[in-house]
Every structure is written in structure tokens, then in C-alpha cells.
Amino acid sequence: ILKHKGAGVLLFILAFLAICWPFMARTLYQVVEERYVH
């Protein structure tokens, strides 16, 4: 999977979603500490 040329692009998209999405969805985590753990 990692040898494919699109692996870097896929990793970038997944990383962007994993980091940005919880901070945009304010109702996902009610406590700030949970956001930082995520």
C-alpha cells in the first residue's frame, strides 16, 4: 500500500481530516482535554 504513488496524497488527506475535523465539529468533544487527546 505504501509503495503506491498516491499513498502520500492519501496520508495527507487523512491527516488533514484527523487533525482539523474534531476542532471544527464543536459538538463532538464537550471537554477541551478530549480534543487535545484526539
Full PDB file with SEQRES, HELIX, SHEET, SSBOND, CRYST1, ORIGX, SCALE, CONECT and MASTER records, all heavy atoms in Angstrom:
SEQRES   1 A   38  ILE LEU LYS HIS LYS GLY ALA GLY VAL LEU LEU PHE ILE          
SEQRES   2 A   38  LEU ALA PHE LEU ALA ILE CYS TRP PRO PHE MET ALA ARG          
SEQRES   3 A   38  THR LEU TYR GLN VAL VAL GLU GLU ARG TYR VAL HIS              
HELIX    1 AA1 ALA A    7  MET A   24  1                                  18    
HELIX    2 AA2 VAL A   32  VAL A   37  1                                   6    
CRYST1    1.000    1.000    1.000  90.00  90.00  90.00 P 1           1          
ORIGX1      1.000000  0.000000  0.000000        0.00000                         
ORIGX2      0.000000  1.000000  0.000000        0.00000                         
ORIGX3      0.000000  0.000000  1.000000        0.00000                         
SCALE1      1.000000  0.000000  0.000000        0.00000                         
SCALE2      0.000000  1.000000  0.000000        0.00000                         
SCALE3      0.000000  0.000000  1.000000        0.00000                         
ATOM      1  N   ILE A   1       0.838  -1.204   0.000  1.00  0.00           N  
ATOM      2  CA  ILE A   1       0.000   0.000   0.000  1.00  0.00           C  
ATOM      3  C   ILE A   1       0.869   1.248   0.000  1.00  0.00           C  
ATOM      4  O   ILE A   1       0.600   2.212  -0.708  1.00  0.00           O  
ATOM      5  CB  ILE A   1      -0.942  -0.010   1.216  1.00  0.00           C  
ATOM      6  CG1 ILE A   1      -1.948  -1.162   1.091  1.00  0.00           C  
ATOM      7  CG2 ILE A   1      -1.674   1.312   1.354  1.00  0.00           C  
ATOM      8  CD1 ILE A   1      -2.765  -1.398   2.336  1.00  0.00           C  
ATOM      9  N   LEU A   2       1.929   1.246   0.790  1.00  0.00           N  
ATOM     10  CA  LEU A   2       2.780   2.419   0.896  1.00  0.00           C  
ATOM     11  C   LEU A   2       3.643   2.637  -0.335  1.00  0.00           C  
ATOM     12  O   LEU A   2       4.175   3.722  -0.529  1.00  0.00           O  
ATOM     13  CB  LEU A   2       3.656   2.321   2.143  1.00  0.00           C  
ATOM     14  CG  LEU A   2       2.897   2.382   3.463  1.00  0.00           C  
ATOM     15  CD1 LEU A   2       3.847   2.146   4.615  1.00  0.00           C  
ATOM     16  CD2 LEU A   2       2.162   3.696   3.615  1.00  0.00           C  
ATOM     17  N   LYS A   3       3.810   1.608  -1.182  1.00  0.00           N  
ATOM     18  CA  LYS A   3       4.600   1.767  -2.403  1.00  0.00           C  
ATOM     19  C   LYS A   3       3.843   2.498  -3.500  1.00  0.00           C  
ATOM     20  O   LYS A   3       4.450   2.992  -4.435  1.00  0.00           O  
ATOM     21  CB  LYS A   3       5.043   0.403  -2.922  1.00  0.00           C  
ATOM     22  CG  LYS A   3       6.172  -0.193  -2.147  1.00  0.00           C  
ATOM     23  CD  LYS A   3       6.630  -1.478  -2.790  1.00  0.00           C  
ATOM     24  CE  LYS A   3       7.783  -2.067  -2.015  1.00  0.00           C  
ATOM     25  NZ  LYS A   3       8.274  -3.301  -2.625  1.00  0.00           N  
ATOM     26  N   HIS A   4       2.528   2.582  -3.399  1.00  0.00           N  
ATOM     27  CA  HIS A   4       1.757   3.278  -4.421  1.00  0.00           C  
ATOM     28  C   HIS A   4       2.085   4.767  -4.427  1.00  0.00           C  
ATOM     29  O   HIS A   4       2.409   5.355  -3.391  1.00  0.00           O  
ATOM     30  CB  HIS A   4       0.259   3.093  -4.191  1.00  0.00           C  
ATOM     31  CG  HIS A   4      -0.221   1.722  -4.515  1.00  0.00           C  
ATOM     32  ND1 HIS A   4      -0.480   1.307  -5.793  1.00  0.00           N  
ATOM     33  CD2 HIS A   4      -0.486   0.668  -3.719  1.00  0.00           C  
ATOM     34  CE1 HIS A   4      -0.880   0.068  -5.775  1.00  0.00           C  
ATOM     35  NE2 HIS A   4      -0.888  -0.359  -4.506  1.00  0.00           N  
ATOM     36  N   LYS A   5       2.002   5.369  -5.614  1.00  0.00           N  
ATOM     37  CA  LYS A   5       2.332   6.787  -5.738  1.00  0.00           C  
ATOM     38  C   LYS A   5       1.342   7.670  -4.985  1.00  0.00           C  
ATOM     39  O   LYS A   5       1.688   8.738  -4.516  1.00  0.00           O  
ATOM     40  CB  LYS A   5       2.354   7.192  -7.209  1.00  0.00           C  
ATOM     41  CG  LYS A   5       3.489   6.559  -7.964  1.00  0.00           C  
ATOM     42  CD  LYS A   5       3.498   6.997  -9.395  1.00  0.00           C  
ATOM     43  CE  LYS A   5       4.645   6.328 -10.137  1.00  0.00           C  
ATOM     44  NZ  LYS A   5       4.684   6.721 -11.540  1.00  0.00           N  
ATOM     45  N   GLY A   6       0.106   7.232  -4.852  1.00  0.00           N  
ATOM     46  CA  GLY A   6      -0.914   8.032  -4.188  1.00  0.00           C  
ATOM     47  C   GLY A   6      -0.929   7.885  -2.679  1.00  0.00           C  
ATOM     48  O   GLY A   6      -1.764   8.496  -2.015  1.00  0.00           O  
ATOM     49  N   ALA A   7      -0.015   7.100  -2.117  1.00  0.00           N  
ATOM     50  CA  ALA A   7      -0.005   6.881  -0.672  1.00  0.00           C  
ATOM     51  C   ALA A   7       0.270   8.177   0.083  1.00  0.00           C  
ATOM     52  O   ALA A   7      -0.339   8.431   1.121  1.00  0.00           O  
ATOM     53  CB  ALA A   7       1.024   5.826  -0.291  1.00  0.00           C  
ATOM     54  N   GLY A   8       1.151   8.998  -0.426  1.00  0.00           N  
ATOM     55  CA  GLY A   8       1.449  10.271   0.232  1.00  0.00           C  
ATOM     56  C   GLY A   8       0.267  11.214   0.205  1.00  0.00           C  
ATOM     57  O   GLY A   8      -0.024  11.901   1.196  1.00  0.00           O  
ATOM     58  N   VAL A   9      -0.436  11.236  -0.911  1.00  0.00           N  
ATOM     59  CA  VAL A   9      -1.616  12.103  -1.033  1.00  0.00           C  
ATOM     60  C   VAL A   9      -2.715  11.617  -0.098  1.00  0.00           C  
ATOM     61  O   VAL A   9      -3.365  12.414   0.592  1.00  0.00           O  
ATOM     62  CB  VAL A   9      -2.109  12.138  -2.498  1.00  0.00           C  
ATOM     63  CG1 VAL A   9      -3.401  12.911  -2.619  1.00  0.00           C  
ATOM     64  CG2 VAL A   9      -1.043  12.723  -3.400  1.00  0.00           C  
ATOM     65  N   LEU A  10      -2.922  10.306  -0.055  1.00  0.00           N  
ATOM     66  CA  LEU A  10      -3.931   9.743   0.831  1.00  0.00           C  
ATOM     67  C   LEU A  10      -3.585  10.031   2.286  1.00  0.00           C  
ATOM     68  O   LEU A  10      -4.458  10.390   3.083  1.00  0.00           O  
ATOM     69  CB  LEU A  10      -4.057   8.237   0.605  1.00  0.00           C  
ATOM     70  CG  LEU A  10      -5.071   7.526   1.481  1.00  0.00           C  
ATOM     71  CD1 LEU A  10      -6.479   8.014   1.178  1.00  0.00           C  
ATOM     72  CD2 LEU A  10      -4.965   6.034   1.285  1.00  0.00           C  
ATOM     73  N   LEU A  11      -2.323   9.903   2.641  1.00  0.00           N  
ATOM     74  CA  LEU A  11      -1.898  10.199   4.006  1.00  0.00           C  
ATOM     75  C   LEU A  11      -2.130  11.671   4.338  1.00  0.00           C  
ATOM     76  O   LEU A  11      -2.561  11.995   5.440  1.00  0.00           O  
ATOM     77  CB  LEU A  11      -0.429   9.831   4.203  1.00  0.00           C  
ATOM     78  CG  LEU A  11       0.132  10.077   5.595  1.00  0.00           C  
ATOM     79  CD1 LEU A  11      -0.626   9.269   6.627  1.00  0.00           C  
ATOM     80  CD2 LEU A  11       1.598   9.740   5.640  1.00  0.00           C  
ATOM     81  N   PHE A  12      -1.864  12.560   3.392  1.00  0.00           N  
ATOM     82  CA  PHE A  12      -2.107  13.982   3.623  1.00  0.00           C  
ATOM     83  C   PHE A  12      -3.583  14.251   3.882  1.00  0.00           C  
ATOM     84  O   PHE A  12      -3.938  14.980   4.824  1.00  0.00           O  
ATOM     85  CB  PHE A  12      -1.630  14.804   2.415  1.00  0.00           C  
ATOM     86  CG  PHE A  12      -2.008  16.250   2.510  1.00  0.00           C  
ATOM     87  CD1 PHE A  12      -1.312  17.108   3.340  1.00  0.00           C  
ATOM     88  CD2 PHE A  12      -3.068  16.750   1.780  1.00  0.00           C  
ATOM     89  CE1 PHE A  12      -1.666  18.438   3.437  1.00  0.00           C  
ATOM     90  CE2 PHE A  12      -3.427  18.069   1.862  1.00  0.00           C  
ATOM     91  CZ  PHE A  12      -2.725  18.923   2.692  1.00  0.00           C  
ATOM     92  N   ILE A  13      -4.450  13.663   3.078  1.00  0.00           N  
ATOM     93  CA  ILE A  13      -5.892  13.888   3.238  1.00  0.00           C  
ATOM     94  C   ILE A  13      -6.375  13.326   4.575  1.00  0.00           C  
ATOM     95  O   ILE A  13      -7.133  13.987   5.302  1.00  0.00           O  
ATOM     96  CB  ILE A  13      -6.663  13.273   2.060  1.00  0.00           C  
ATOM     97  CG1 ILE A  13      -6.356  14.061   0.786  1.00  0.00           C  
ATOM     98  CG2 ILE A  13      -8.161  13.256   2.324  1.00  0.00           C  
ATOM     99  CD1 ILE A  13      -6.861  13.401  -0.479  1.00  0.00           C  
ATOM    100  N   LEU A  14      -5.940  12.110   4.916  1.00  0.00           N  
ATOM    101  CA  LEU A  14      -6.336  11.528   6.192  1.00  0.00           C  
ATOM    102  C   LEU A  14      -5.809  12.333   7.376  1.00  0.00           C  
ATOM    103  O   LEU A  14      -6.505  12.518   8.374  1.00  0.00           O  
ATOM    104  CB  LEU A  14      -5.848  10.082   6.278  1.00  0.00           C  
ATOM    105  CG  LEU A  14      -6.564   9.094   5.374  1.00  0.00           C  
ATOM    106  CD1 LEU A  14      -5.912   7.719   5.472  1.00  0.00           C  
ATOM    107  CD2 LEU A  14      -8.037   9.012   5.701  1.00  0.00           C  
ATOM    108  N   ALA A  15      -4.582  12.820   7.270  1.00  0.00           N  
ATOM    109  CA  ALA A  15      -4.016  13.632   8.348  1.00  0.00           C  
ATOM    110  C   ALA A  15      -4.767  14.943   8.499  1.00  0.00           C  
ATOM    111  O   ALA A  15      -5.066  15.384   9.615  1.00  0.00           O  
ATOM    112  CB  ALA A  15      -2.539  13.912   8.072  1.00  0.00           C  
ATOM    113  N   PHE A  16      -5.111  15.556   7.388  1.00  0.00           N  
ATOM    114  CA  PHE A  16      -5.856  16.813   7.436  1.00  0.00           C  
ATOM    115  C   PHE A  16      -7.208  16.603   8.113  1.00  0.00           C  
ATOM    116  O   PHE A  16      -7.607  17.385   8.980  1.00  0.00           O  
ATOM    117  CB  PHE A  16      -6.039  17.359   6.016  1.00  0.00           C  
ATOM    118  CG  PHE A  16      -6.765  18.662   5.970  1.00  0.00           C  
ATOM    119  CD1 PHE A  16      -6.116  19.838   6.300  1.00  0.00           C  
ATOM    120  CD2 PHE A  16      -8.100  18.717   5.609  1.00  0.00           C  
ATOM    121  CE1 PHE A  16      -6.781  21.045   6.260  1.00  0.00           C  
ATOM    122  CE2 PHE A  16      -8.770  19.912   5.566  1.00  0.00           C  
ATOM    123  CZ  PHE A  16      -8.116  21.087   5.897  1.00  0.00           C  
ATOM    124  N   LEU A  17      -7.896  15.539   7.723  1.00  0.00           N  
ATOM    125  CA  LEU A  17      -9.204  15.263   8.321  1.00  0.00           C  
ATOM    126  C   LEU A  17      -9.078  14.881   9.795  1.00  0.00           C  
ATOM    127  O   LEU A  17      -9.903  15.287  10.620  1.00  0.00           O  
ATOM    128  CB  LEU A  17      -9.910  14.150   7.558  1.00  0.00           C  
ATOM    129  CG  LEU A  17     -10.379  14.513   6.155  1.00  0.00           C  
ATOM    130  CD1 LEU A  17     -10.961  13.286   5.472  1.00  0.00           C  
ATOM    131  CD2 LEU A  17     -11.402  15.631   6.194  1.00  0.00           C  
ATOM    132  N   ALA A  18      -8.062  14.112  10.144  1.00  0.00           N  
ATOM    133  CA  ALA A  18      -7.899  13.670  11.531  1.00  0.00           C  
ATOM    134  C   ALA A  18      -7.572  14.824  12.461  1.00  0.00           C  
ATOM    135  O   ALA A  18      -7.952  14.803  13.638  1.00  0.00           O  
ATOM    136  CB  ALA A  18      -6.805  12.612  11.617  1.00  0.00           C  
ATOM    137  N   ILE A  19      -6.873  15.812  11.951  1.00  0.00           N  
ATOM    138  CA  ILE A  19      -6.478  16.923  12.813  1.00  0.00           C  
ATOM    139  C   ILE A  19      -7.504  18.054  12.797  1.00  0.00           C  
ATOM    140  O   ILE A  19      -7.825  18.622  13.832  1.00  0.00           O  
ATOM    141  CB  ILE A  19      -5.082  17.435  12.418  1.00  0.00           C  
ATOM    142  CG1 ILE A  19      -4.050  16.373  12.782  1.00  0.00           C  
ATOM    143  CG2 ILE A  19      -4.751  18.738  13.110  1.00  0.00           C  
ATOM    144  CD1 ILE A  19      -2.649  16.690  12.349  1.00  0.00           C  
ATOM    145  N   CYS A  20      -8.048  18.384  11.659  1.00  0.00           N  
ATOM    146  CA  CYS A  20      -8.934  19.548  11.550  1.00  0.00           C  
ATOM    147  C   CYS A  20     -10.387  19.258  11.900  1.00  0.00           C  
ATOM    148  O   CYS A  20     -11.065  20.107  12.465  1.00  0.00           O  
ATOM    149  CB  CYS A  20      -8.862  20.119  10.141  1.00  0.00           C  
ATOM    150  SG  CYS A  20      -7.274  20.857   9.793  1.00  0.00           S  
ATOM    151  N   TRP A  21     -10.869  18.079  11.565  1.00  0.00           N  
ATOM    152  CA  TRP A  21     -12.284  17.804  11.745  1.00  0.00           C  
ATOM    153  C   TRP A  21     -12.758  17.911  13.198  1.00  0.00           C  
ATOM    154  O   TRP A  21     -13.791  18.518  13.464  1.00  0.00           O  
ATOM    155  CB  TRP A  21     -12.622  16.430  11.163  1.00  0.00           C  
ATOM    156  CG  TRP A  21     -14.019  16.012  11.407  1.00  0.00           C  
ATOM    157  CD1 TRP A  21     -15.149  16.577  10.909  1.00  0.00           C  
ATOM    158  CD2 TRP A  21     -14.441  14.939  12.236  1.00  0.00           C  
ATOM    159  NE1 TRP A  21     -16.240  15.911  11.355  1.00  0.00           N  
ATOM    160  CE2 TRP A  21     -15.838  14.897  12.173  1.00  0.00           C  
ATOM    161  CE3 TRP A  21     -13.776  14.001  13.005  1.00  0.00           C  
ATOM    162  CZ2 TRP A  21     -16.579  13.961  12.868  1.00  0.00           C  
ATOM    163  CZ3 TRP A  21     -14.518  13.063  13.686  1.00  0.00           C  
ATOM    164  CH2 TRP A  21     -15.891  13.056  13.608  1.00  0.00           C  
ATOM    165  N   PRO A  22     -12.029  17.370  14.186  1.00  0.00           N  
ATOM    166  CA  PRO A  22     -12.533  17.477  15.565  1.00  0.00           C  
ATOM    167  C   PRO A  22     -12.617  18.910  16.064  1.00  0.00           C  
ATOM    168  O   PRO A  22     -13.460  19.226  16.893  1.00  0.00           O  
ATOM    169  CB  PRO A  22     -11.516  16.693  16.387  1.00  0.00           C  
ATOM    170  CG  PRO A  22     -10.785  15.864  15.432  1.00  0.00           C  
ATOM    171  CD  PRO A  22     -10.838  16.555  14.122  1.00  0.00           C  
ATOM    172  N   PHE A  23     -11.755  19.776  15.560  1.00  0.00           N  
ATOM    173  CA  PHE A  23     -11.794  21.153  16.020  1.00  0.00           C  
ATOM    174  C   PHE A  23     -12.912  21.943  15.342  1.00  0.00           C  
ATOM    175  O   PHE A  23     -13.384  22.928  15.869  1.00  0.00           O  
ATOM    176  CB  PHE A  23     -10.440  21.818  15.796  1.00  0.00           C  
ATOM    177  CG  PHE A  23      -9.395  21.264  16.708  1.00  0.00           C  
ATOM    178  CD1 PHE A  23      -8.490  20.329  16.265  1.00  0.00           C  
ATOM    179  CD2 PHE A  23      -9.346  21.653  18.034  1.00  0.00           C  
ATOM    180  CE1 PHE A  23      -7.540  19.793  17.120  1.00  0.00           C  
ATOM    181  CE2 PHE A  23      -8.407  21.124  18.898  1.00  0.00           C  
ATOM    182  CZ  PHE A  23      -7.501  20.194  18.442  1.00  0.00           C  
ATOM    183  N   MET A  24     -13.316  21.503  14.167  1.00  0.00           N  
ATOM    184  CA  MET A  24     -14.434  22.161  13.500  1.00  0.00           C  
ATOM    185  C   MET A  24     -15.768  21.684  14.062  1.00  0.00           C  
ATOM    186  O   MET A  24     -16.719  22.435  14.115  1.00  0.00           O  
ATOM    187  CB  MET A  24     -14.359  21.883  12.004  1.00  0.00           C  
ATOM    188  CG  MET A  24     -13.151  22.455  11.365  1.00  0.00           C  
ATOM    189  SD  MET A  24     -13.651  23.361   9.957  1.00  0.00           S  
ATOM    190  CE  MET A  24     -12.111  23.721   9.214  1.00  0.00           C  
ATOM    191  N   ALA A  25     -15.834  20.421  14.435  1.00  0.00           N  
ATOM    192  CA  ALA A  25     -17.066  19.865  14.995  1.00  0.00           C  
ATOM    193  C   ALA A  25     -17.065  20.120  16.499  1.00  0.00           C  
ATOM    194  O   ALA A  25     -16.612  19.302  17.287  1.00  0.00           O  
ATOM    195  CB  ALA A  25     -17.160  18.381  14.695  1.00  0.00           C  
ATOM    196  N   ARG A  26     -17.574  21.232  16.885  1.00  0.00           N  
ATOM    197  CA  ARG A  26     -17.518  21.634  18.295  1.00  0.00           C  
ATOM    198  C   ARG A  26     -18.346  20.730  19.189  1.00  0.00           C  
ATOM    199  O   ARG A  26     -18.065  20.606  20.371  1.00  0.00           O  
ATOM    200  CB  ARG A  26     -18.003  23.075  18.436  1.00  0.00           C  
ATOM    201  CG  ARG A  26     -17.090  24.038  17.755  1.00  0.00           C  
ATOM    202  CD  ARG A  26     -17.577  25.441  17.917  1.00  0.00           C  
ATOM    203  NE  ARG A  26     -16.751  26.309  17.094  1.00  0.00           N  
ATOM    204  CZ  ARG A  26     -17.135  27.442  16.609  1.00  0.00           C  
ATOM    205  NH1 ARG A  26     -18.364  27.877  16.847  1.00  0.00           N  
ATOM    206  NH2 ARG A  26     -16.337  28.160  15.878  1.00  0.00           N  
ATOM    207  N   THR A  27     -19.366  20.109  18.656  1.00  0.00           N  
ATOM    208  CA  THR A  27     -20.215  19.258  19.482  1.00  0.00           C  
ATOM    209  C   THR A  27     -19.650  17.859  19.653  1.00  0.00           C  
ATOM    210  O   THR A  27     -20.175  17.080  20.430  1.00  0.00           O  
ATOM    211  CB  THR A  27     -21.618  19.154  18.863  1.00  0.00           C  
ATOM    212  OG1 THR A  27     -21.502  18.602  17.549  1.00  0.00           O  
ATOM    213  CG2 THR A  27     -22.281  20.510  18.792  1.00  0.00           C  
ATOM    214  N   LEU A  28     -18.587  17.526  18.944  1.00  0.00           N  
ATOM    215  CA  LEU A  28     -18.017  16.189  19.055  1.00  0.00           C  
ATOM    216  C   LEU A  28     -17.405  15.956  20.434  1.00  0.00           C  
ATOM    217  O   LEU A  28     -17.648  14.935  21.062  1.00  0.00           O  
ATOM    218  CB  LEU A  28     -16.962  15.972  17.971  1.00  0.00           C  
ATOM    219  CG  LEU A  28     -16.322  14.601  17.912  1.00  0.00           C  
ATOM    220  CD1 LEU A  28     -17.369  13.548  17.557  1.00  0.00           C  
ATOM    221  CD2 LEU A  28     -15.209  14.580  16.887  1.00  0.00           C  
ATOM    222  N   TYR A  29     -16.632  16.899  20.900  1.00  0.00           N  
ATOM    223  CA  TYR A  29     -15.999  16.787  22.213  1.00  0.00           C  
ATOM    224  C   TYR A  29     -16.455  17.964  23.068  1.00  0.00           C  
ATOM    225  O   TYR A  29     -16.234  19.119  22.734  1.00  0.00           O  
ATOM    226  CB  TYR A  29     -14.479  16.818  22.102  1.00  0.00           C  
ATOM    227  CG  TYR A  29     -13.903  15.702  21.278  1.00  0.00           C  
ATOM    228  CD1 TYR A  29     -13.255  15.956  20.086  1.00  0.00           C  
ATOM    229  CD2 TYR A  29     -14.017  14.393  21.705  1.00  0.00           C  
ATOM    230  CE1 TYR A  29     -12.725  14.931  19.335  1.00  0.00           C  
ATOM    231  CE2 TYR A  29     -13.488  13.359  20.950  1.00  0.00           C  
ATOM    232  CZ  TYR A  29     -12.848  13.635  19.772  1.00  0.00           C  
ATOM    233  OH  TYR A  29     -12.325  12.625  19.028  1.00  0.00           O  
ATOM    234  N   GLN A  30     -17.065  17.651  24.181  1.00  0.00           N  
ATOM    235  CA  GLN A  30     -17.548  18.707  25.065  1.00  0.00           C  
ATOM    236  C   GLN A  30     -16.434  19.278  25.940  1.00  0.00           C  
ATOM    237  O   GLN A  30     -16.469  20.435  26.326  1.00  0.00           O  
ATOM    238  CB  GLN A  30     -18.681  18.171  25.959  1.00  0.00           C  
ATOM    239  CG  GLN A  30     -19.876  17.700  25.185  1.00  0.00           C  
ATOM    240  CD  GLN A  30     -20.551  18.813  24.393  1.00  0.00           C  
ATOM    241  OE1 GLN A  30     -20.559  19.963  24.811  1.00  0.00           O  
ATOM    242  NE2 GLN A  30     -21.080  18.472  23.235  1.00  0.00           N  
ATOM    243  N   VAL A  31     -15.440  18.458  26.234  1.00  0.00           N  
ATOM    244  CA  VAL A  31     -14.343  18.872  27.104  1.00  0.00           C  
ATOM    245  C   VAL A  31     -13.110  19.147  26.242  1.00  0.00           C  
ATOM    246  O   VAL A  31     -12.799  18.390  25.325  1.00  0.00           O  
ATOM    247  CB  VAL A  31     -14.037  17.760  28.133  1.00  0.00           C  
ATOM    248  CG1 VAL A  31     -12.942  18.192  29.081  1.00  0.00           C  
ATOM    249  CG2 VAL A  31     -15.294  17.385  28.892  1.00  0.00           C  
ATOM    250  N   VAL A  32     -12.417  20.216  26.528  1.00  0.00           N  
ATOM    251  CA  VAL A  32     -11.247  20.619  25.749  1.00  0.00           C  
ATOM    252  C   VAL A  32     -10.142  19.570  25.836  1.00  0.00           C  
ATOM    253  O   VAL A  32      -9.447  19.320  24.847  1.00  0.00           O  
ATOM    254  CB  VAL A  32     -10.739  22.001  26.230  1.00  0.00           C  
ATOM    255  CG1 VAL A  32      -9.464  22.391  25.525  1.00  0.00           C  
ATOM    256  CG2 VAL A  32     -11.801  23.049  26.033  1.00  0.00           C  
ATOM    257  N   GLU A  33     -10.005  18.920  26.982  1.00  0.00           N  
ATOM    258  CA  GLU A  33      -8.959  17.915  27.139  1.00  0.00           C  
ATOM    259  C   GLU A  33      -9.149  16.753  26.166  1.00  0.00           C  
ATOM    260  O   GLU A  33      -8.177  16.189  25.669  1.00  0.00           O  
ATOM    261  CB  GLU A  33      -8.929  17.380  28.576  1.00  0.00           C  
ATOM    262  CG  GLU A  33      -8.401  18.381  29.579  1.00  0.00           C  
ATOM    263  CD  GLU A  33      -9.476  19.348  30.073  1.00  0.00           C  
ATOM    264  OE1 GLU A  33     -10.683  19.121  29.803  1.00  0.00           O  
ATOM    265  OE2 GLU A  33      -9.104  20.339  30.707  1.00  0.00           O  
ATOM    266  N   GLU A  34     -10.399  16.393  25.871  1.00  0.00           N  
ATOM    267  CA  GLU A  34     -10.655  15.314  24.921  1.00  0.00           C  
ATOM    268  C   GLU A  34     -10.178  15.698  23.518  1.00  0.00           C  
ATOM    269  O   GLU A  34      -9.688  14.850  22.771  1.00  0.00           O  
ATOM    270  CB  GLU A  34     -12.141  14.979  24.885  1.00  0.00           C  
ATOM    271  CG  GLU A  34     -12.648  14.323  26.145  1.00  0.00           C  
ATOM    272  CD  GLU A  34     -14.132  14.074  26.090  1.00  0.00           C  
ATOM    273  OE1 GLU A  34     -14.787  14.456  25.095  1.00  0.00           O  
ATOM    274  OE2 GLU A  34     -14.654  13.492  27.059  1.00  0.00           O  
ATOM    275  N   ARG A  35     -10.309  16.952  23.171  1.00  0.00           N  
ATOM    276  CA  ARG A  35      -9.814  17.421  21.867  1.00  0.00           C  
ATOM    277  C   ARG A  35      -8.299  17.267  21.787  1.00  0.00           C  
ATOM    278  O   ARG A  35      -7.760  16.850  20.759  1.00  0.00           O  
ATOM    279  CB  ARG A  35     -10.186  18.875  21.632  1.00  0.00           C  
ATOM    280  CG  ARG A  35     -11.642  19.079  21.389  1.00  0.00           C  
ATOM    281  CD  ARG A  35     -11.921  20.518  21.083  1.00  0.00           C  
ATOM    282  NE  ARG A  35     -13.355  20.724  20.988  1.00  0.00           N  
ATOM    283  CZ  ARG A  35     -13.909  21.850  20.618  1.00  0.00           C  
ATOM    284  NH1 ARG A  35     -13.154  22.884  20.318  1.00  0.00           N  
ATOM    285  NH2 ARG A  35     -15.212  21.956  20.560  1.00  0.00           N  
ATOM    286  N   TYR A  36      -7.611  17.602  22.852  1.00  0.00           N  
ATOM    287  CA  TYR A  36      -6.154  17.505  22.832  1.00  0.00           C  
ATOM    288  C   TYR A  36      -5.683  16.054  22.830  1.00  0.00           C  
ATOM    289  O   TYR A  36      -4.667  15.736  22.219  1.00  0.00           O  
ATOM    290  CB  TYR A  36      -5.545  18.278  23.996  1.00  0.00           C  
ATOM    291  CG  TYR A  36      -5.610  19.758  23.761  1.00  0.00           C  
ATOM    292  CD1 TYR A  36      -6.427  20.570  24.523  1.00  0.00           C  
ATOM    293  CD2 TYR A  36      -4.877  20.343  22.736  1.00  0.00           C  
ATOM    294  CE1 TYR A  36      -6.506  21.935  24.291  1.00  0.00           C  
ATOM    295  CE2 TYR A  36      -4.946  21.699  22.491  1.00  0.00           C  
ATOM    296  CZ  TYR A  36      -5.764  22.487  23.272  1.00  0.00           C  
ATOM    297  OH  TYR A  36      -5.846  23.817  23.027  1.00  0.00           O  
ATOM    298  N   VAL A  37      -6.407  15.169  23.497  1.00  0.00           N  
ATOM    299  CA  VAL A  37      -6.063  13.748  23.450  1.00  0.00           C  
ATOM    300  C   VAL A  37      -6.237  13.243  22.023  1.00  0.00           C  
ATOM    301  O   VAL A  37      -5.383  12.512  21.499  1.00  0.00           O  
ATOM    302  CB  VAL A  37      -6.922  12.942  24.452  1.00  0.00           C  
ATOM    303  CG1 VAL A  37      -6.789  11.449  24.217  1.00  0.00           C  
ATOM    304  CG2 VAL A  37      -6.534  13.290  25.870  1.00  0.00           C  
ATOM    305  N   HIS A  38      -7.334  13.614  21.381  1.00  0.00           N  
ATOM    306  CA  HIS A  38      -7.559  13.207  20.000  1.00  0.00           C  
ATOM    307  C   HIS A  38      -6.456  13.754  19.092  1.00  0.00           C  
ATOM    308  O   HIS A  38      -5.944  13.042  18.231  1.00  0.00           O  
ATOM    309  CB  HIS A  38      -8.919  13.696  19.514  1.00  0.00           C  
ATOM    310  CG  HIS A  38      -9.149  13.412  18.066  1.00  0.00           C  
ATOM    311  ND1 HIS A  38      -9.725  12.254  17.628  1.00  0.00           N  
ATOM    312  CD2 HIS A  38      -8.844  14.128  16.953  1.00  0.00           C  
ATOM    313  CE1 HIS A  38      -9.780  12.265  16.313  1.00  0.00           C  
ATOM    314  NE2 HIS A  38      -9.251  13.395  15.882  1.00  0.00           N  
TER     315      HIS A  38                                                      
MASTER        0    0    0    2    0    0    0    6  314    1    0    3          
END                                                                             
